[in-house]
Amino acid sequence: MRPIKHWDRKGLRSFSPYDGMWQSELLLGRTDRWGSGDIHCCMYCHNGDCDWTDWKDVVLQCLEVWEGAESYCANYSGYHGRVKVGLLLDLDEGTLTVYKNGRRLRVMR
């Protein structure tokens, strides 16, 4: 998620940047550092999808099936194995790198 000025002062117990009730307030926190990009929050999902939002629409967008996409669990309902998922967000470059068990899956731009 992009850095938002003074968001830590809200004292929220829980928060989802994908919740439509926050979208206009999140956009008000825009800083010059955001540049011209329109992907303000993204996540790597358990099924291998990468969802993102521009906080203009409540609906999440999903990247097309991307090369290297892998579920981080073999069976959603009963997976008991351990998987280490790593995400490296580079706001300067506008990329999100996804790792699974130390192996790079993809750099998303």
N, C-alpha and C. Protein backbone atom coordinates (compact mmCIF):
# COMPACT_ATOMS: atom_id res chain seq x y z
N MET A 1 0.84 -1.17 0.00
CA MET A 1 0.00 0.00 0.00
C MET A 1 0.88 1.23 0.00
N ARG A 2 0.46 2.23 -0.70
CA ARG A 2 1.21 3.48 -0.74
C ARG A 2 1.21 4.13 0.64
N PRO A 3 2.27 4.88 0.93
CA PRO A 3 2.29 5.59 2.21
C PRO A 3 1.23 6.70 2.23
N ILE A 4 0.52 6.81 3.32
CA ILE A 4 -0.53 7.81 3.48
C ILE A 4 -0.16 8.72 4.64
N LYS A 5 -0.16 10.02 4.41
CA LYS A 5 0.19 10.97 5.47
C LYS A 5 -0.76 10.82 6.66
N HIS A 6 -0.18 10.70 7.83
CA HIS A 6 -0.89 10.72 9.11
C HIS A 6 -1.92 9.60 9.29
N TRP A 7 -1.86 8.55 8.48
CA TRP A 7 -2.83 7.46 8.61
C TRP A 7 -2.67 6.75 9.95
N ASP A 8 -1.45 6.71 10.48
CA ASP A 8 -1.20 6.06 11.76
C ASP A 8 -1.91 6.77 12.92
N ARG A 9 -2.29 7.98 12.74
CA ARG A 9 -2.96 8.75 13.81
C ARG A 9 -4.43 8.39 13.95
N LYS A 10 -4.95 7.59 13.05
CA LYS A 10 -6.37 7.23 13.11
C LYS A 10 -6.68 6.28 14.26
N GLY A 11 -5.68 5.56 14.74
CA GLY A 11 -5.91 4.65 15.86
C GLY A 11 -6.85 3.50 15.54
N LEU A 12 -6.84 3.02 14.32
CA LEU A 12 -7.74 1.95 13.90
C LEU A 12 -7.27 0.61 14.47
N ARG A 13 -8.21 -0.19 14.92
CA ARG A 13 -7.88 -1.54 15.38
C ARG A 13 -7.72 -2.49 14.22
N SER A 14 -8.47 -2.28 13.19
CA SER A 14 -8.33 -3.08 11.97
C SER A 14 -8.64 -2.18 10.79
N PHE A 15 -8.14 -2.60 9.65
CA PHE A 15 -8.28 -1.77 8.46
C PHE A 15 -7.98 -2.62 7.24
N SER A 16 -8.77 -2.44 6.21
CA SER A 16 -8.47 -3.07 4.92
C SER A 16 -8.46 -1.98 3.86
N PRO A 17 -7.34 -1.83 3.16
CA PRO A 17 -7.29 -0.81 2.11
C PRO A 17 -8.18 -1.15 0.92
N TYR A 18 -8.79 -2.33 0.95
CA TYR A 18 -9.71 -2.73 -0.12
C TYR A 18 -11.16 -2.46 0.25
N ASP A 19 -11.40 -1.97 1.44
CA ASP A 19 -12.75 -1.65 1.90
C ASP A 19 -13.18 -0.34 1.25
N GLY A 20 -14.26 -0.37 0.50
CA GLY A 20 -14.72 0.80 -0.24
C GLY A 20 -15.03 2.02 0.62
N MET A 21 -15.27 1.83 1.91
CA MET A 21 -15.61 2.97 2.75
C MET A 21 -14.43 3.93 2.95
N TRP A 22 -13.21 3.49 2.66
CA TRP A 22 -12.03 4.32 2.88
C TRP A 22 -11.49 4.95 1.61
N GLN A 23 -11.98 4.56 0.45
CA GLN A 23 -11.31 4.93 -0.79
C GLN A 23 -11.12 6.44 -0.98
N SER A 24 -12.14 7.27 -0.74
CA SER A 24 -11.97 8.70 -0.97
C SER A 24 -11.02 9.30 0.06
N GLU A 25 -11.08 8.83 1.30
CA GLU A 25 -10.17 9.34 2.32
C GLU A 25 -8.73 8.94 2.04
N LEU A 26 -8.52 7.73 1.53
CA LEU A 26 -7.18 7.28 1.17
C LEU A 26 -6.60 8.14 0.04
N LEU A 27 -7.41 8.47 -0.94
CA LEU A 27 -6.93 9.30 -2.04
C LEU A 27 -6.58 10.71 -1.58
N LEU A 28 -7.24 11.19 -0.54
CA LEU A 28 -6.92 12.51 0.01
C LEU A 28 -5.53 12.53 0.64
N GLY A 29 -5.00 11.36 1.00
CA GLY A 29 -3.68 11.26 1.59
C GLY A 29 -2.55 11.22 0.57
N ARG A 30 -2.89 11.46 -0.66
CA ARG A 30 -1.90 11.42 -1.75
C ARG A 30 -0.72 12.34 -1.45
N THR A 31 0.48 11.88 -1.79
CA THR A 31 1.69 12.69 -1.65
C THR A 31 2.37 12.80 -3.01
N ASP A 32 3.30 13.73 -3.15
CA ASP A 32 4.05 13.87 -4.40
C ASP A 32 4.82 12.61 -4.74
N ARG A 33 5.19 11.85 -3.71
CA ARG A 33 5.98 10.64 -3.92
C ARG A 33 5.21 9.58 -4.71
N TRP A 34 3.89 9.67 -4.73
CA TRP A 34 3.10 8.69 -5.47
C TRP A 34 3.37 8.77 -6.97
N GLY A 35 3.79 9.91 -7.45
CA GLY A 35 4.00 10.06 -8.88
C GLY A 35 2.69 9.98 -9.64
N SER A 36 2.73 9.43 -10.85
CA SER A 36 1.52 9.37 -11.68
C SER A 36 0.87 7.99 -11.70
N GLY A 37 1.40 7.04 -10.94
CA GLY A 37 0.86 5.68 -10.94
C GLY A 37 -0.57 5.62 -10.41
N ASP A 38 -1.31 4.61 -10.84
CA ASP A 38 -2.69 4.47 -10.38
C ASP A 38 -2.94 3.18 -9.62
N ILE A 39 -1.91 2.41 -9.33
CA ILE A 39 -2.07 1.23 -8.49
C ILE A 39 -1.60 1.65 -7.10
N HIS A 40 -2.56 1.75 -6.18
CA HIS A 40 -2.25 2.29 -4.87
C HIS A 40 -2.12 1.21 -3.80
N CYS A 41 -2.62 0.05 -4.07
CA CYS A 41 -2.53 -1.05 -3.13
C CYS A 41 -2.65 -2.34 -3.93
N CYS A 42 -1.81 -3.32 -3.62
CA CYS A 42 -1.92 -4.60 -4.31
C CYS A 42 -1.62 -5.72 -3.32
N MET A 43 -2.09 -6.90 -3.65
CA MET A 43 -1.85 -8.05 -2.77
C MET A 43 -1.70 -9.32 -3.61
N TYR A 44 -0.89 -10.18 -3.09
CA TYR A 44 -0.68 -11.51 -3.67
C TYR A 44 -1.62 -12.44 -2.93
N CYS A 45 -2.53 -13.06 -3.66
CA CYS A 45 -3.59 -13.87 -3.04
C CYS A 45 -3.20 -15.34 -2.95
N HIS A 46 -3.88 -16.06 -2.08
CA HIS A 46 -3.59 -17.48 -1.83
C HIS A 46 -3.66 -18.34 -3.08
N ASN A 47 -4.43 -17.92 -4.06
CA ASN A 47 -4.55 -18.74 -5.27
C ASN A 47 -3.57 -18.35 -6.37
N GLY A 48 -2.68 -17.39 -6.06
CA GLY A 48 -1.68 -16.97 -7.04
C GLY A 48 -2.05 -15.71 -7.80
N ASP A 49 -3.28 -15.22 -7.62
CA ASP A 49 -3.68 -13.97 -8.26
C ASP A 49 -2.97 -12.80 -7.62
N CYS A 50 -2.90 -11.71 -8.33
CA CYS A 50 -2.43 -10.45 -7.77
C CYS A 50 -3.56 -9.45 -8.00
N ASP A 51 -4.18 -9.02 -6.93
CA ASP A 51 -5.27 -8.05 -7.01
C ASP A 51 -4.74 -6.67 -6.68
N TRP A 52 -5.37 -5.66 -7.26
CA TRP A 52 -4.95 -4.29 -7.00
C TRP A 52 -6.15 -3.36 -7.06
N THR A 53 -5.97 -2.16 -6.55
CA THR A 53 -7.03 -1.16 -6.60
C THR A 53 -6.43 0.21 -6.85
N ASP A 54 -7.21 1.05 -7.53
CA ASP A 54 -6.82 2.44 -7.74
C ASP A 54 -7.58 3.36 -6.79
N TRP A 55 -8.38 2.78 -5.91
CA TRP A 55 -9.21 3.48 -4.93
C TRP A 55 -10.22 4.42 -5.58
N LYS A 56 -10.46 4.23 -6.87
CA LYS A 56 -11.53 4.98 -7.53
C LYS A 56 -12.75 4.09 -7.66
N ASP A 57 -12.51 2.81 -7.82
CA ASP A 57 -13.60 1.83 -7.92
C ASP A 57 -13.51 0.89 -6.74
N VAL A 58 -14.66 0.48 -6.22
CA VAL A 58 -14.67 -0.46 -5.11
C VAL A 58 -14.21 -1.84 -5.58
N VAL A 59 -14.46 -2.15 -6.84
CA VAL A 59 -14.13 -3.46 -7.40
C VAL A 59 -12.62 -3.61 -7.51
N LEU A 60 -12.11 -4.74 -7.04
CA LEU A 60 -10.68 -5.04 -7.20
C LEU A 60 -10.40 -5.43 -8.64
N GLN A 61 -9.26 -5.07 -9.09
CA GLN A 61 -8.79 -5.47 -10.40
C GLN A 61 -7.85 -6.65 -10.21
N CYS A 62 -7.80 -7.52 -11.16
CA CYS A 62 -6.88 -8.66 -11.08
C CYS A 62 -5.96 -8.62 -12.28
N LEU A 63 -4.66 -8.73 -12.02
CA LEU A 63 -3.72 -8.82 -13.13
C LEU A 63 -4.06 -10.05 -13.95
N GLU A 64 -3.80 -9.98 -15.23
CA GLU A 64 -4.00 -11.16 -16.07
C GLU A 64 -3.17 -12.30 -15.49
N VAL A 65 -3.49 -13.51 -15.87
CA VAL A 65 -2.70 -14.64 -15.38
C VAL A 65 -1.26 -14.35 -15.74
N TRP A 66 -0.41 -14.30 -14.76
CA TRP A 66 0.97 -13.89 -14.98
C TRP A 66 1.91 -15.07 -14.90
N GLU A 67 2.93 -14.99 -15.73
CA GLU A 67 3.93 -16.05 -15.76
C GLU A 67 4.56 -16.17 -14.38
N GLY A 68 4.62 -17.37 -13.85
CA GLY A 68 5.18 -17.59 -12.52
C GLY A 68 4.12 -17.61 -11.43
N ALA A 69 2.85 -17.37 -11.78
CA ALA A 69 1.79 -17.38 -10.78
C ALA A 69 1.70 -18.76 -10.15
N GLU A 70 1.73 -18.80 -8.83
CA GLU A 70 1.60 -20.05 -8.09
C GLU A 70 0.77 -19.79 -6.86
N SER A 71 -0.08 -20.73 -6.53
CA SER A 71 -0.79 -20.67 -5.27
C SER A 71 0.22 -20.81 -4.15
N TYR A 72 -0.03 -20.15 -3.04
CA TYR A 72 0.89 -20.37 -1.92
C TYR A 72 0.38 -21.45 -0.99
N CYS A 73 -0.70 -22.11 -1.38
CA CYS A 73 -1.13 -23.30 -0.63
C CYS A 73 -1.70 -24.31 -1.61
N ALA A 74 -1.41 -25.56 -1.36
CA ALA A 74 -1.82 -26.63 -2.28
C ALA A 74 -3.32 -26.86 -2.25
N ASN A 75 -3.94 -26.67 -1.11
CA ASN A 75 -5.37 -26.91 -0.96
C ASN A 75 -5.91 -25.82 -0.03
N TYR A 76 -6.70 -24.93 -0.57
CA TYR A 76 -7.17 -23.77 0.21
C TYR A 76 -7.83 -24.17 1.52
N SER A 77 -8.66 -25.20 1.50
CA SER A 77 -9.46 -25.52 2.67
C SER A 77 -8.72 -26.30 3.75
N GLY A 78 -7.66 -26.98 3.41
CA GLY A 78 -7.03 -27.80 4.43
C GLY A 78 -5.53 -27.86 4.35
N TYR A 79 -4.89 -26.81 3.92
CA TYR A 79 -3.44 -26.84 3.75
C TYR A 79 -2.75 -26.72 5.10
N HIS A 80 -1.83 -27.63 5.38
CA HIS A 80 -1.13 -27.62 6.67
C HIS A 80 0.37 -27.40 6.52
N GLY A 81 0.88 -27.37 5.28
CA GLY A 81 2.30 -27.15 5.07
C GLY A 81 2.66 -25.69 5.32
N ARG A 82 3.93 -25.45 5.52
CA ARG A 82 4.39 -24.08 5.74
C ARG A 82 5.01 -23.54 4.45
N VAL A 83 4.58 -22.36 4.09
CA VAL A 83 5.10 -21.67 2.91
C VAL A 83 5.50 -20.27 3.35
N LYS A 84 6.68 -19.87 2.94
CA LYS A 84 7.13 -18.51 3.24
C LYS A 84 6.90 -17.66 2.00
N VAL A 85 6.05 -16.65 2.14
CA VAL A 85 5.76 -15.73 1.06
C VAL A 85 6.45 -14.41 1.36
N GLY A 86 7.18 -13.89 0.40
CA GLY A 86 7.85 -12.61 0.56
C GLY A 86 7.38 -11.64 -0.49
N LEU A 87 7.18 -10.40 -0.08
CA LEU A 87 6.78 -9.34 -0.99
C LEU A 87 7.75 -8.18 -0.82
N LEU A 88 8.27 -7.70 -1.91
CA LEU A 88 9.17 -6.56 -1.88
C LEU A 88 8.54 -5.46 -2.72
N LEU A 89 8.07 -4.43 -2.05
CA LEU A 89 7.41 -3.31 -2.71
C LEU A 89 8.42 -2.19 -2.89
N ASP A 90 8.66 -1.80 -4.12
CA ASP A 90 9.57 -0.71 -4.43
C ASP A 90 8.74 0.45 -4.97
N LEU A 91 8.45 1.41 -4.10
CA LEU A 91 7.60 2.53 -4.50
C LEU A 91 8.30 3.46 -5.49
N ASP A 92 9.61 3.53 -5.42
CA ASP A 92 10.34 4.38 -6.36
C ASP A 92 10.27 3.83 -7.77
N GLU A 93 10.38 2.51 -7.90
CA GLU A 93 10.32 1.87 -9.22
C GLU A 93 8.90 1.48 -9.62
N GLY A 94 7.98 1.44 -8.66
CA GLY A 94 6.60 1.04 -8.95
C GLY A 94 6.48 -0.45 -9.22
N THR A 95 7.21 -1.27 -8.44
CA THR A 95 7.17 -2.72 -8.65
C THR A 95 6.83 -3.46 -7.36
N LEU A 96 6.28 -4.63 -7.52
CA LEU A 96 6.05 -5.56 -6.42
C LEU A 96 6.67 -6.89 -6.84
N THR A 97 7.65 -7.35 -6.07
CA THR A 97 8.30 -8.63 -6.36
C THR A 97 7.73 -9.66 -5.40
N VAL A 98 7.34 -10.81 -5.94
CA VAL A 98 6.73 -11.88 -5.16
C VAL A 98 7.71 -13.04 -5.06
N TYR A 99 7.92 -13.51 -3.84
CA TYR A 99 8.79 -14.66 -3.57
C TYR A 99 7.98 -15.74 -2.88
N LYS A 100 8.32 -16.98 -3.17
CA LYS A 100 7.71 -18.13 -2.48
C LYS A 100 8.85 -19.04 -2.06
N ASN A 101 8.96 -19.26 -0.76
CA ASN A 101 10.04 -20.08 -0.20
C ASN A 101 11.41 -19.64 -0.72
N GLY A 102 11.63 -18.33 -0.77
CA GLY A 102 12.92 -17.78 -1.18
C GLY A 102 13.17 -17.73 -2.67
N ARG A 103 12.23 -18.21 -3.46
CA ARG A 103 12.38 -18.24 -4.92
C ARG A 103 11.53 -17.12 -5.53
N ARG A 104 12.16 -16.28 -6.34
CA ARG A 104 11.41 -15.19 -6.96
C ARG A 104 10.45 -15.72 -8.00
N LEU A 105 9.18 -15.36 -7.88
CA LEU A 105 8.17 -15.77 -8.86
C LEU A 105 8.01 -14.74 -9.97
N ARG A 106 7.97 -13.45 -9.57
CA ARG A 106 7.66 -12.43 -10.57
C ARG A 106 7.91 -11.05 -10.01
N VAL A 107 8.32 -10.16 -10.88
CA VAL A 107 8.35 -8.73 -10.58
C VAL A 107 7.20 -8.12 -11.35
N MET A 108 6.24 -7.56 -10.63
CA MET A 108 5.07 -6.96 -11.27
C MET A 108 5.26 -5.46 -11.36
N ARG A 109 4.92 -4.91 -12.52
CA ARG A 109 5.07 -3.47 -12.76
C ARG A 109 3.73 -2.84 -13.01
